[in-house]
Amino acid sequence: MEHQRNYPIGMQTFSKIRESKCLYIDKTEYVYRMIHSESSYMFLSRPRRFGKSLLTSTLHSYFSGKKELFKGLAIEKLETEWTEYPVLHFDMSTAKHVDKIRLIQEIEGKLCDYEHIYGRDESDININQRMEGLIKHAYNKTGRQVVVLIDEYDAPLLDVVHEETNLPQLRDVMRNFYSPLKACDPYLRFVFLTGITKFSQLSIFSELNNIKNISMLEEYAAICGITEEEMRSQMSIDIEILAEKLKVTPEEALQKLKANYDGYHFTWPSPDIYNPYSLLNAFADRKIASYWFGSGTPTYLIEMLNKYGVLPSKIGPLEAVATEFDAPTERMESITPLLYQSGYITIKGYDDMFESYTLDIPNKEVRIGLMYSLIPYYVSRDTLTTTNTVVNMARALYRNNIDETLQRLQEFLLTVPYADNTNYEGHYQQMLYVIFSLLGAYVDIEVRTPRGRVDIVLRTATTLYVMELEIDKTSSAAMSQINLKDYPKRFALCGLPIVKVGINFDSERRTISDWTIVNS
C-alpha cells in the first residue's frame, strides 16, 4: 500500500504546518474553549515534545486574525468574530543552559524585536520596565488589547533546578520579567504560559495570582497529545501502512503503538493520551522505536534521582494526592512532582473517596528508557556490554529458558568492576529490577503475599517467575524460603505457569554463584 503523508516532524509552527499541508490533529475546539473562557490568564504544564509549542503557535495565528489557516477545522464553525490583536510571543526554549547575564541578554533581545515594531521609551531600561512599556506601546499603537504568549517559561530554570546557587538567581530574573503582567491587566486581552514544571506563584509570577492552571482540568485533558479516538478517525490509513510494514494486522499494529506510546493521563477521568512525538515518528519511519526518550534524557532528571536517592523500583507505581505531584518543584520534598510534570510517571487511576491518585510509568518506551539511563548507577558504566547482555538474556527468556538467562547474567556480572556499597540484597534486587525491565517484561519487587514478600516477580507473555535472593548462602536456601512461605499460591489465578527460582549471590566474586529452578 503506497501512501504519501507529510508528517510535521520537528514542526511547531501552526501556519507552517497548515501551509505545507502536513498532518494536523485538530485541537482548535480547545483553542476556542480557552479564548472564550472566563479566565484570560492561563497556564498549561505538559512534558517536553508534547505539543505545547504548537498549541501556543495556534493561539498566535488565531489572535493574529489568520482565519484562512483554520479552514476546515473545528473552530471555523464555532468562531463568528476574527479580530486581529497585537501578539507578543516569547519562546524561552532558546534560553537554556545560560547564566544570569546571558539570560538577561536573551530576554533583552526578544524584547528588542518587538520594540522595533511598537516602540520604546528611553527611560525603560530594566527588563520589567521594557516589558511594561512594550505592552502599553503595542496597545496605544494598535488600539487593541495585547496578547502575551510565553512558551516554555521554565526552560532557563530546568537545568539548575537541583542547584542551590544558580536557581535563585535565574528565578529572580524570570520573576522580574513576568512581573508587569499584573500591572498591565487593562491592556491585556489574553495571557498564556506553557512549561514542564510548576513553579510557585510567589517565586516566579510575583503578584500574578489570577492565572488559571488548566493542566489538570478534565475539559483540557486531551488538549495536547493524541487520543486513540483521534488516531482511529484521522490516522487510520497511517495505522494500515504501519501494519503492512510490520507484517501484522492494523489492530495488532495499534496494540504495539499503544504498548509503546500510550498511557498518559493528566487528570482523571481522561482518555488515553499517546505521545505525539513518538507516534508521528513511528508513522514516518514505519517502525516502532524509542523516539521521545531517545531525543534526550534531561540531565536534571538523573541529577534529581541521585539527589533524592530514588530506587529504580520506587519510581512507580505509587499513590499520592494532587498536592504531592502537581506541586511547585522548587519546594518539593520528593522527586514525584518532577517525575510527573516531566512525563516519566503519569496518572493511572483515582480513588474518589480519598482523593488519591495512582501514578506509574506511562508505557514501555518510557520504562525501558528510564532503566537504560540508570544502567551506569545500578549495573555497569559499560552500557554497550550491558545492552548486549540484555539482548541475549531477552532471547533466552523469550524461549522460556530461564537457566540460560541466568547463565548470561552470571557471566556478565563477572566483568563488572567492583563498586562500594553493593554487597547487600537490596543492591542486587534493584540491579535485577533494572535488567529485567530492560528485557521488556513486567517486573516487580517486594510483592506482598499472605505470608511475606517475594523478592522479585517476573512475568513474560507465557510464564510467571517467583524469585527469592540470598547472599553468601545457597540457592537451596532461597528455594526453601519460597516453599516455606508458599509464595506461588499468591499467584495461582494469574493464568500462567509458575516457575520458582532461588538465586544465591557470591559477595566476594560479585556475581551469581548458583541457582535452582523448579516448576510449580
Protein backbone atom coordinates (compact mmCIF):
# COMPACT_ATOMS: atom_id res chain seq x y z
CA MET A 1 0.00 0.00 0.00
CA GLU A 2 1.57 3.28 -1.09
CA HIS A 3 0.62 6.48 0.69
CA GLN A 4 2.22 9.92 0.78
CA ARG A 5 1.66 11.80 4.01
CA ASN A 6 3.57 14.83 5.22
CA TYR A 7 4.23 14.42 8.91
CA PRO A 8 5.14 17.58 10.87
CA ILE A 9 8.28 16.07 12.42
CA GLY A 10 10.05 18.86 14.26
CA MET A 11 7.48 21.46 13.15
CA GLN A 12 6.00 23.58 15.93
CA THR A 13 4.58 26.44 13.85
CA PHE A 14 0.87 26.17 13.11
CA SER A 15 0.98 28.32 9.97
CA LYS A 16 3.85 26.29 8.50
CA ILE A 17 2.04 23.00 9.14
CA ARG A 18 -1.17 24.26 7.53
CA GLU A 19 0.54 25.90 4.56
CA SER A 20 2.67 22.81 3.97
CA LYS A 21 -0.46 20.63 4.10
CA CYS A 22 1.09 18.48 6.81
CA LEU A 23 -0.94 16.21 9.05
CA TYR A 24 -2.60 18.28 11.78
CA ILE A 25 -4.64 16.70 14.56
CA ASP A 26 -7.42 19.22 15.07
CA LYS A 27 -7.16 20.79 18.53
CA THR A 28 -8.91 24.06 17.64
CA GLU A 29 -12.04 23.23 19.65
CA TYR A 30 -9.83 23.52 22.74
CA VAL A 31 -8.43 26.81 21.45
CA TYR A 32 -11.96 28.19 21.13
CA ARG A 33 -12.77 26.97 24.64
CA MET A 34 -9.69 28.71 26.06
CA ILE A 35 -10.20 32.09 24.46
CA HIS A 36 -13.89 32.20 25.36
CA SER A 37 -13.49 31.07 28.97
CA GLU A 38 -13.94 33.30 32.00
CA SER A 39 -10.21 33.48 32.66
CA SER A 40 -7.90 35.40 30.33
CA TYR A 41 -4.73 34.28 32.16
CA MET A 42 -3.86 30.59 31.70
CA PHE A 43 -1.03 28.19 32.40
CA LEU A 44 -0.56 24.69 30.95
CA SER A 45 2.00 22.13 32.06
CA ARG A 46 2.85 19.19 29.80
CA PRO A 47 6.02 17.10 29.24
CA ARG A 48 8.53 18.07 26.57
CA ARG A 49 7.67 17.40 22.93
CA PHE A 50 4.01 17.04 23.76
CA GLY A 51 2.64 19.82 21.55
CA LYS A 52 2.80 22.84 23.88
CA SER A 53 4.68 24.94 21.33
CA LEU A 54 2.26 24.01 18.55
CA LEU A 55 -0.68 24.96 20.75
CA THR A 56 0.96 28.31 21.54
CA SER A 57 1.61 28.88 17.83
CA THR A 58 -2.04 28.03 17.07
CA LEU A 59 -3.14 30.71 19.53
CA HIS A 60 -0.72 33.11 17.86
CA SER A 61 -2.30 32.50 14.46
CA TYR A 62 -5.80 32.84 15.87
CA PHE A 63 -5.15 36.13 17.66
CA SER A 64 -3.36 37.42 14.55
CA GLY A 65 -6.67 37.03 12.71
CA LYS A 66 -5.40 34.46 10.20
CA LYS A 67 -8.81 32.94 9.52
CA GLU A 68 -7.67 31.28 6.30
CA LEU A 69 -5.35 28.92 8.22
CA PHE A 70 -8.31 27.45 10.12
CA LYS A 71 -10.36 26.48 7.10
CA GLY A 72 -11.92 23.05 7.59
CA LEU A 73 -11.06 22.91 11.32
CA ALA A 74 -13.49 22.79 14.24
CA ILE A 75 -13.03 26.43 15.19
CA GLU A 76 -14.18 27.61 11.75
CA LYS A 77 -17.75 26.61 12.65
CA LEU A 78 -17.52 27.91 16.21
CA GLU A 79 -15.97 31.36 15.81
CA THR A 80 -18.04 34.22 14.43
CA GLU A 81 -15.55 37.05 15.00
CA TRP A 82 -11.95 37.05 13.86
CA THR A 83 -10.26 40.05 15.46
CA GLU A 84 -6.59 40.81 14.96
CA TYR A 85 -4.70 41.66 18.15
CA PRO A 86 -1.06 42.62 18.71
CA VAL A 87 0.69 39.40 19.81
CA LEU A 88 3.88 39.24 21.90
CA HIS A 89 5.16 35.68 21.58
CA PHE A 90 8.20 34.75 23.67
CA ASP A 91 9.83 31.34 23.19
CA MET A 92 12.02 30.77 26.24
CA SER A 93 13.43 27.47 24.95
CA THR A 94 16.29 29.49 23.43
CA ALA A 95 17.43 30.45 26.94
CA LYS A 96 18.58 27.03 28.15
CA HIS A 97 22.00 26.45 29.76
CA VAL A 98 22.58 30.13 30.50
CA ASP A 99 23.83 32.10 33.48
CA LYS A 100 22.19 35.24 34.86
CA ILE A 101 23.92 37.68 32.48
CA ARG A 102 23.21 35.64 29.36
CA LEU A 103 19.60 35.13 30.42
CA ILE A 104 19.08 38.88 30.72
CA GLN A 105 20.73 39.37 27.32
CA GLU A 106 18.45 36.71 25.79
CA ILE A 107 15.33 38.39 27.16
CA GLU A 108 16.52 41.83 26.06
CA GLY A 109 16.99 40.51 22.53
CA LYS A 110 13.42 39.19 22.45
CA LEU A 111 12.06 42.49 23.74
CA CYS A 112 14.10 44.41 21.18
CA ASP A 113 12.47 42.54 18.27
CA TYR A 114 9.03 43.79 19.29
CA GLU A 115 10.26 47.26 20.31
CA HIS A 116 11.30 47.80 16.69
CA ILE A 117 7.63 47.32 15.79
CA TYR A 118 5.82 49.09 18.61
CA GLY A 119 8.44 51.49 20.04
CA ARG A 120 10.33 52.00 23.28
CA ASP A 121 10.83 54.81 25.78
CA GLU A 122 14.43 55.70 26.55
CA SER A 123 13.62 55.65 30.26
CA ASP A 124 12.72 51.95 30.06
CA ILE A 125 15.99 50.24 31.00
CA ASN A 126 15.39 47.09 33.03
CA ILE A 127 13.59 44.14 31.51
CA ASN A 128 10.48 44.64 33.67
CA GLN A 129 10.27 48.30 32.60
CA ARG A 130 10.75 47.36 28.97
CA MET A 131 8.10 44.61 29.18
CA GLU A 132 5.56 47.01 30.67
CA GLY A 133 6.45 49.73 28.18
CA LEU A 134 6.20 47.32 25.26
CA ILE A 135 2.69 46.20 26.23
CA LYS A 136 1.49 49.80 26.58
CA HIS A 137 3.10 50.86 23.29
CA ALA A 138 1.51 47.95 21.45
CA TYR A 139 -1.88 48.85 22.95
CA ASN A 140 -1.59 52.53 22.09
CA LYS A 141 -0.29 51.92 18.57
CA THR A 142 -2.97 49.40 17.55
CA GLY A 143 -5.88 50.50 19.71
CA ARG A 144 -6.41 46.90 20.76
CA GLN A 145 -5.57 44.92 23.85
CA VAL A 146 -2.38 42.85 23.73
CA VAL A 147 -1.94 39.07 23.72
CA VAL A 148 1.11 37.71 25.56
CA LEU A 149 2.20 34.13 24.84
CA ILE A 150 5.16 32.71 26.77
CA ASP A 151 6.19 29.23 25.64
CA GLU A 152 8.37 27.06 27.90
CA TYR A 153 8.53 29.76 30.54
CA ASP A 154 10.64 27.49 32.79
CA ALA A 155 13.28 26.45 30.21
CA PRO A 156 16.04 28.61 31.74
CA LEU A 157 15.41 27.04 35.15
CA LEU A 158 15.17 23.32 34.42
CA ASP A 159 18.87 22.53 34.21
CA VAL A 160 19.56 24.28 37.52
CA VAL A 161 16.52 23.05 39.45
CA HIS A 162 18.84 20.88 41.57
CA GLU A 163 21.31 23.71 42.29
CA GLU A 164 21.30 25.92 45.36
CA THR A 165 23.17 28.87 43.81
CA ASN A 166 22.07 29.37 40.22
CA LEU A 167 18.37 28.58 40.62
CA PRO A 168 17.54 31.59 42.87
CA GLN A 169 19.46 33.97 40.57
CA LEU A 170 17.74 32.85 37.39
CA ARG A 171 14.39 32.64 39.16
CA ASP A 172 14.70 36.28 40.21
CA VAL A 173 15.38 37.33 36.60
CA MET A 174 12.32 35.47 35.35
CA ARG A 175 10.15 36.88 38.15
CA ASN A 176 11.28 40.37 37.20
CA PHE A 177 10.43 39.72 33.54
CA TYR A 178 6.92 38.41 34.27
CA SER A 179 6.06 40.93 37.00
CA PRO A 180 4.45 43.61 34.72
CA LEU A 181 1.71 41.22 33.58
CA LYS A 182 -0.38 42.00 36.68
CA ALA A 183 0.02 45.78 36.41
CA CYS A 184 -0.78 45.72 32.69
CA ASP A 185 -4.11 43.93 33.10
CA PRO A 186 -6.18 46.75 31.47
CA TYR A 187 -4.04 46.48 28.33
CA LEU A 188 -4.11 42.70 28.02
CA ARG A 189 -6.62 40.54 26.09
CA PHE A 190 -5.11 37.13 26.86
CA VAL A 191 -2.03 35.72 28.61
CA PHE A 192 -0.91 32.13 28.15
CA LEU A 193 2.14 30.39 29.56
CA THR A 194 3.36 26.85 28.99
CA GLY A 195 6.02 24.88 30.80
CA ILE A 196 7.11 21.49 32.01
CA THR A 197 7.39 22.18 35.71
CA LYS A 198 5.18 24.15 38.02
CA PHE A 199 6.91 26.90 39.98
CA SER A 200 5.07 28.68 42.76
CA GLN A 201 3.35 31.97 42.06
CA LEU A 202 5.32 33.53 44.88
CA SER A 203 8.70 32.71 43.34
CA ILE A 204 8.01 33.25 39.65
CA PHE A 205 4.81 35.16 38.98
CA SER A 206 5.08 37.58 41.87
CA GLU A 207 1.60 39.07 42.32
CA LEU A 208 0.13 37.34 39.28
CA ASN A 209 -2.35 35.40 41.40
CA ASN A 210 -5.15 35.36 38.84
CA ILE A 211 -3.55 32.86 36.48
CA LYS A 212 -5.68 29.78 35.84
CA ASN A 213 -3.81 26.48 35.85
CA ILE A 214 -5.65 24.29 33.33
CA SER A 215 -3.15 21.42 33.47
CA MET A 216 -5.40 19.05 35.44
CA LEU A 217 -8.84 20.24 34.29
CA GLU A 218 -10.92 17.49 32.72
CA GLU A 219 -12.12 19.71 29.86
CA TYR A 220 -8.50 20.16 28.73
CA ALA A 221 -7.35 16.57 29.30
CA ALA A 222 -6.59 15.97 25.60
CA ILE A 223 -5.51 19.48 24.61
CA CYS A 224 -2.02 18.13 23.86
CA GLY A 225 -1.06 14.66 22.70
CA ILE A 226 -3.16 12.34 20.52
CA THR A 227 -6.09 10.25 21.70
CA GLU A 228 -6.98 6.83 20.35
CA GLU A 229 -10.23 8.27 19.01
CA GLU A 230 -8.23 10.86 17.07
CA MET A 231 -5.96 8.11 15.75
CA ARG A 232 -8.83 5.97 14.56
CA SER A 233 -10.69 8.87 12.95
CA GLN A 234 -7.80 10.89 11.50
CA MET A 235 -4.91 8.40 11.16
CA SER A 236 -6.50 5.09 10.15
CA ILE A 237 -4.58 5.00 6.86
CA ASP A 238 -1.33 5.54 8.76
CA ILE A 239 -2.08 2.58 11.02
CA GLU A 240 -2.76 0.39 7.98
CA ILE A 241 0.54 1.36 6.34
CA LEU A 242 2.49 0.68 9.54
CA ALA A 243 0.72 -2.69 9.89
CA GLU A 244 1.70 -3.65 6.37
CA LYS A 245 5.32 -2.73 7.08
CA LEU A 246 5.34 -4.71 10.35
CA LYS A 247 3.51 -7.62 8.69
CA VAL A 248 0.69 -7.58 11.25
CA THR A 249 -2.98 -6.65 11.20
CA PRO A 250 -3.99 -2.98 11.75
CA GLU A 251 -5.39 -3.88 15.16
CA GLU A 252 -2.12 -5.60 16.13
CA ALA A 253 -0.18 -2.54 14.95
CA LEU A 254 -2.41 -0.36 17.10
CA GLN A 255 -1.71 -2.56 20.11
CA LYS A 256 2.05 -2.19 19.53
CA LEU A 257 1.66 1.59 19.35
CA LYS A 258 -0.46 1.50 22.49
CA ALA A 259 2.07 -0.53 24.47
CA ASN A 260 4.94 1.76 23.50
CA TYR A 261 3.49 5.28 23.31
CA ASP A 262 0.08 5.36 25.03
CA GLY A 263 -0.87 5.53 28.69
CA TYR A 264 -0.66 9.23 29.59
CA HIS A 265 -3.38 10.87 31.69
CA PHE A 266 -3.11 14.39 33.08
CA THR A 267 -6.33 14.26 35.05
CA TRP A 268 -8.95 11.66 35.89
CA PRO A 269 -11.14 10.65 34.18
CA SER A 270 -9.24 11.13 30.95
CA PRO A 271 -8.96 9.45 27.57
CA ASP A 272 -5.71 7.57 26.95
CA ILE A 273 -3.19 10.02 25.53
CA TYR A 274 -0.45 8.95 23.11
CA ASN A 275 2.90 10.73 22.99
CA PRO A 276 2.58 12.74 19.73
CA TYR A 277 6.31 12.98 19.04
CA SER A 278 6.88 9.21 19.21
CA LEU A 279 3.65 8.42 17.38
CA LEU A 280 4.36 10.68 14.39
CA ASN A 281 7.95 9.45 14.16
CA ALA A 282 6.76 5.83 14.22
CA PHE A 283 4.39 6.52 11.31
CA ALA A 284 7.04 8.48 9.41
CA ASP A 285 9.72 5.79 9.84
CA ARG A 286 7.18 2.94 9.72
CA LYS A 287 8.71 1.20 12.71
CA ILE A 288 8.45 1.05 16.50
CA ALA A 289 11.42 2.69 18.19
CA SER A 290 12.35 4.86 21.17
CA TYR A 291 11.77 8.37 19.87
CA TRP A 292 10.70 10.55 22.79
CA PHE A 293 13.16 9.11 25.28
CA GLY A 294 15.83 8.84 22.59
CA SER A 295 15.50 12.54 21.83
CA GLY A 296 17.31 13.31 25.06
CA THR A 297 17.00 12.43 28.72
CA PRO A 298 17.32 15.70 30.66
CA THR A 299 20.43 15.76 32.79
CA TYR A 300 18.47 17.42 35.59
CA LEU A 301 16.29 14.31 35.91
CA ILE A 302 19.21 11.97 36.60
CA GLU A 303 20.71 14.57 38.96
CA MET A 304 17.49 14.75 40.93
CA LEU A 305 17.09 10.95 41.03
CA ASN A 306 20.52 10.81 42.63
CA LYS A 307 19.82 13.74 44.95
CA TYR A 308 16.69 12.12 46.35
CA GLY A 309 18.18 8.61 46.35
CA VAL A 310 15.30 7.19 44.33
CA LEU A 311 15.48 3.44 43.78
CA PRO A 312 14.50 2.26 40.28
CA SER A 313 11.69 0.08 41.63
CA LYS A 314 10.25 3.04 43.57
CA ILE A 315 9.65 5.25 40.54
CA GLY A 316 6.22 3.64 40.21
CA PRO A 317 3.58 2.63 40.92
CA LEU A 318 2.75 4.87 43.88
CA GLU A 319 -0.19 6.66 45.44
CA ALA A 320 -0.32 10.40 46.04
CA VAL A 321 -2.77 13.25 46.45
CA ALA A 322 -2.63 16.01 43.83
CA THR A 323 -0.73 18.43 46.06
CA GLU A 324 2.14 15.93 46.22
CA PHE A 325 2.76 15.73 42.46
CA ASP A 326 1.06 18.74 40.84
CA ALA A 327 3.20 20.91 43.07
CA PRO A 328 5.85 23.63 42.72
CA THR A 329 9.13 21.88 42.03
CA GLU A 330 11.32 24.27 44.00
CA ARG A 331 9.51 23.32 47.22
CA MET A 332 9.20 19.59 46.55
CA GLU A 333 10.04 17.16 49.31
CA SER A 334 10.37 14.24 46.89
CA ILE A 335 11.10 13.78 43.20
CA THR A 336 7.45 12.89 42.46
CA PRO A 337 6.42 16.35 41.13
CA LEU A 338 9.37 16.46 38.75
CA LEU A 339 8.81 12.90 37.51
CA TYR A 340 5.12 13.60 36.92
CA GLN A 341 5.46 17.00 35.29
CA SER A 342 8.30 15.77 33.09
CA GLY A 343 6.22 12.83 31.82
CA TYR A 344 8.14 9.94 33.40
CA ILE A 345 5.18 8.95 35.54
CA THR A 346 1.53 9.71 34.86
CA ILE A 347 -1.92 9.26 36.36
CA LYS A 348 -3.18 5.68 36.11
CA GLY A 349 -6.17 5.74 38.48
CA TYR A 350 -8.07 7.73 41.08
CA ASP A 351 -9.70 6.91 44.40
CA ASP A 352 -12.64 9.29 44.61
CA MET A 353 -13.34 8.59 48.28
CA PHE A 354 -9.85 9.55 49.45
CA GLU A 355 -8.96 11.85 46.53
CA SER A 356 -5.81 9.83 45.94
CA TYR A 357 -4.20 9.21 42.55
CA THR A 358 -2.26 6.17 41.38
CA LEU A 359 0.87 7.17 39.45
CA ASP A 360 3.05 4.93 37.33
CA ILE A 361 5.39 4.88 34.32
CA PRO A 362 3.21 5.53 31.23
CA ASN A 363 4.39 2.92 28.76
CA LYS A 364 7.12 0.60 27.51
CA GLU A 365 9.15 3.33 25.81
CA VAL A 366 9.50 5.37 28.99
CA ARG A 367 10.09 2.36 31.25
CA ILE A 368 12.90 0.95 29.12
CA GLY A 369 14.37 4.40 28.53
CA LEU A 370 14.42 5.17 32.23
CA MET A 371 16.04 1.86 33.11
CA TYR A 372 18.63 2.30 30.38
CA SER A 373 19.55 5.70 31.88
CA LEU A 374 20.05 4.02 35.25
CA ILE A 375 22.42 1.30 33.97
CA PRO A 376 25.60 3.23 34.93
CA TYR A 377 24.34 3.63 38.51
CA TYR A 378 22.99 0.14 39.21
CA VAL A 379 24.66 -2.23 36.76
CA SER A 380 27.76 -1.08 34.88
CA ARG A 381 29.15 2.01 33.18
CA ASP A 382 29.84 -0.18 30.17
CA THR A 383 26.38 0.35 28.69
CA LEU A 384 27.26 -1.34 25.38
CA THR A 385 28.18 -4.64 27.03
CA THR A 386 25.17 -4.35 29.33
CA THR A 387 22.84 -3.81 26.38
CA ASN A 388 24.28 -6.77 24.50
CA THR A 389 23.87 -8.93 27.61
CA VAL A 390 20.26 -7.81 27.96
CA VAL A 391 19.55 -8.71 24.33
CA ASN A 392 20.98 -12.21 24.82
CA MET A 393 19.05 -12.61 28.08
CA ALA A 394 15.86 -11.49 26.36
CA ARG A 395 16.36 -14.09 23.61
CA ALA A 396 16.76 -16.82 26.19
CA LEU A 397 13.77 -15.62 28.19
CA TYR A 398 11.68 -15.49 25.02
CA ARG A 399 12.43 -19.21 24.63
CA ASN A 400 11.36 -19.77 28.27
CA ASN A 401 14.95 -20.71 29.08
CA ILE A 402 15.43 -19.07 32.47
CA ASP A 403 18.53 -21.21 33.07
CA GLU A 404 20.33 -19.67 30.08
CA THR A 405 19.05 -16.22 31.09
CA LEU A 406 20.74 -16.50 34.49
CA GLN A 407 23.86 -18.03 32.97
CA ARG A 408 24.22 -14.99 30.70
CA LEU A 409 23.77 -12.73 33.70
CA GLN A 410 26.33 -14.67 35.75
CA GLU A 411 28.96 -14.33 33.01
CA PHE A 412 28.24 -10.63 32.60
CA LEU A 413 28.47 -9.77 36.31
CA LEU A 414 31.98 -11.27 36.44
CA THR A 415 33.08 -8.44 34.10
CA VAL A 416 31.57 -5.62 36.18
CA PRO A 417 34.20 -3.70 38.20
CA TYR A 418 33.93 -3.60 41.97
CA ALA A 419 31.77 -0.83 43.41
CA ASP A 420 31.24 0.23 47.02
CA ASN A 421 28.01 -0.49 48.86
CA THR A 422 26.98 -3.39 46.64
CA ASN A 423 27.21 -6.35 49.00
CA TYR A 424 23.67 -6.31 50.26
CA GLU A 425 20.50 -7.90 48.96
CA GLY A 426 18.80 -4.61 48.09
CA HIS A 427 21.51 -3.68 45.59
CA TYR A 428 21.19 -6.95 43.69
CA GLN A 429 17.43 -6.66 43.86
CA GLN A 430 17.49 -3.20 42.24
CA MET A 431 20.08 -4.32 39.70
CA LEU A 432 17.88 -7.24 38.62
CA TYR A 433 14.89 -4.89 38.52
CA VAL A 434 16.71 -2.64 36.03
CA ILE A 435 17.94 -5.55 33.90
CA PHE A 436 14.61 -7.40 33.84
CA SER A 437 12.81 -4.15 32.99
CA LEU A 438 15.12 -3.75 30.00
CA LEU A 439 14.01 -7.19 28.84
CA GLY A 440 10.61 -5.65 28.19
CA ALA A 441 8.95 -7.95 30.74
CA TYR A 442 6.78 -6.97 33.69
CA VAL A 443 8.82 -6.97 36.88
CA ASP A 444 8.06 -6.04 40.47
CA ILE A 445 9.92 -6.41 43.75
CA GLU A 446 8.87 -6.89 47.36
CA VAL A 447 5.48 -8.20 46.27
CA ARG A 448 3.18 -8.78 49.23
CA THR A 449 1.73 -12.25 49.89
CA PRO A 450 -0.25 -13.51 52.88
CA ARG A 451 2.92 -14.96 54.40
CA GLY A 452 5.62 -12.49 53.42
CA ARG A 453 7.15 -10.59 50.50
CA VAL A 454 8.51 -12.07 47.27
CA ASP A 455 11.87 -10.57 46.35
CA ILE A 456 11.16 -10.45 42.60
CA VAL A 457 8.19 -11.34 40.39
CA LEU A 458 8.95 -11.53 36.67
CA ARG A 459 6.13 -12.05 34.19
CA THR A 460 6.55 -12.76 30.50
CA ALA A 461 3.84 -13.46 27.93
CA THR A 462 4.00 -17.18 28.77
CA THR A 463 5.38 -17.64 32.29
CA LEU A 464 5.40 -16.08 35.75
CA TYR A 465 8.67 -16.41 37.70
CA VAL A 466 8.74 -16.13 41.51
CA MET A 467 12.30 -15.33 42.63
CA GLU A 468 13.98 -15.28 46.02
CA LEU A 469 17.51 -13.89 46.54
CA GLU A 470 20.18 -14.82 49.08
CA ILE A 471 23.75 -13.64 49.59
CA ASP A 472 26.60 -15.96 50.56
CA LYS A 473 24.22 -18.84 51.30
CA THR A 474 22.85 -21.29 48.73
CA SER A 475 20.16 -21.28 46.08
CA SER A 476 18.59 -24.15 48.03
CA ALA A 477 18.16 -21.81 50.98
CA ALA A 478 16.42 -19.34 48.70
CA MET A 479 14.17 -22.09 47.34
CA SER A 480 13.35 -23.21 50.89
CA GLN A 481 12.16 -19.69 51.63
CA ILE A 482 9.82 -19.79 48.62
CA ASN A 483 8.41 -23.13 49.72
CA LEU A 484 8.16 -22.18 53.39
CA LYS A 485 6.15 -19.06 52.62
CA ASP A 486 4.23 -20.78 49.80
CA TYR A 487 4.69 -17.73 47.57
CA PRO A 488 3.30 -19.34 44.35
CA LYS A 489 -0.15 -19.66 45.98
CA ARG A 490 -0.48 -15.85 45.84
CA PHE A 491 -0.34 -16.02 42.01
CA ALA A 492 -2.35 -19.19 41.41
CA LEU A 493 -5.04 -17.32 39.50
CA CYS A 494 -2.68 -15.46 37.15
CA GLY A 495 -3.42 -17.89 34.30
CA LEU A 496 0.25 -18.60 33.60
CA PRO A 497 2.58 -21.46 34.53
CA ILE A 498 4.53 -20.54 37.68
CA VAL A 499 8.26 -21.22 37.96
CA LYS A 500 10.12 -20.89 41.27
CA VAL A 501 13.69 -19.56 41.09
CA GLY A 502 16.11 -19.46 44.01
CA ILE A 503 19.23 -17.34 43.40
CA ASN A 504 22.35 -17.01 45.54
CA PHE A 505 24.90 -14.21 45.06
CA ASP A 506 28.57 -14.55 45.96
CA SER A 507 29.61 -11.24 47.55
CA GLU A 508 33.33 -11.92 47.01
CA ARG A 509 33.01 -12.71 43.29
CA ARG A 510 30.10 -10.23 42.98
CA THR A 511 28.05 -12.49 40.75
CA ILE A 512 25.52 -15.31 40.92
CA SER A 513 27.11 -18.38 42.44
CA ASP A 514 24.25 -20.81 41.86
CA TRP A 515 20.53 -21.00 41.20
CA THR A 516 17.72 -23.54 41.49
CA ILE A 517 14.71 -23.70 39.16
CA VAL A 518 11.53 -25.63 39.98
CA ASN A 519 8.30 -25.71 38.02
CA SER A 520 5.45 -25.12 40.43
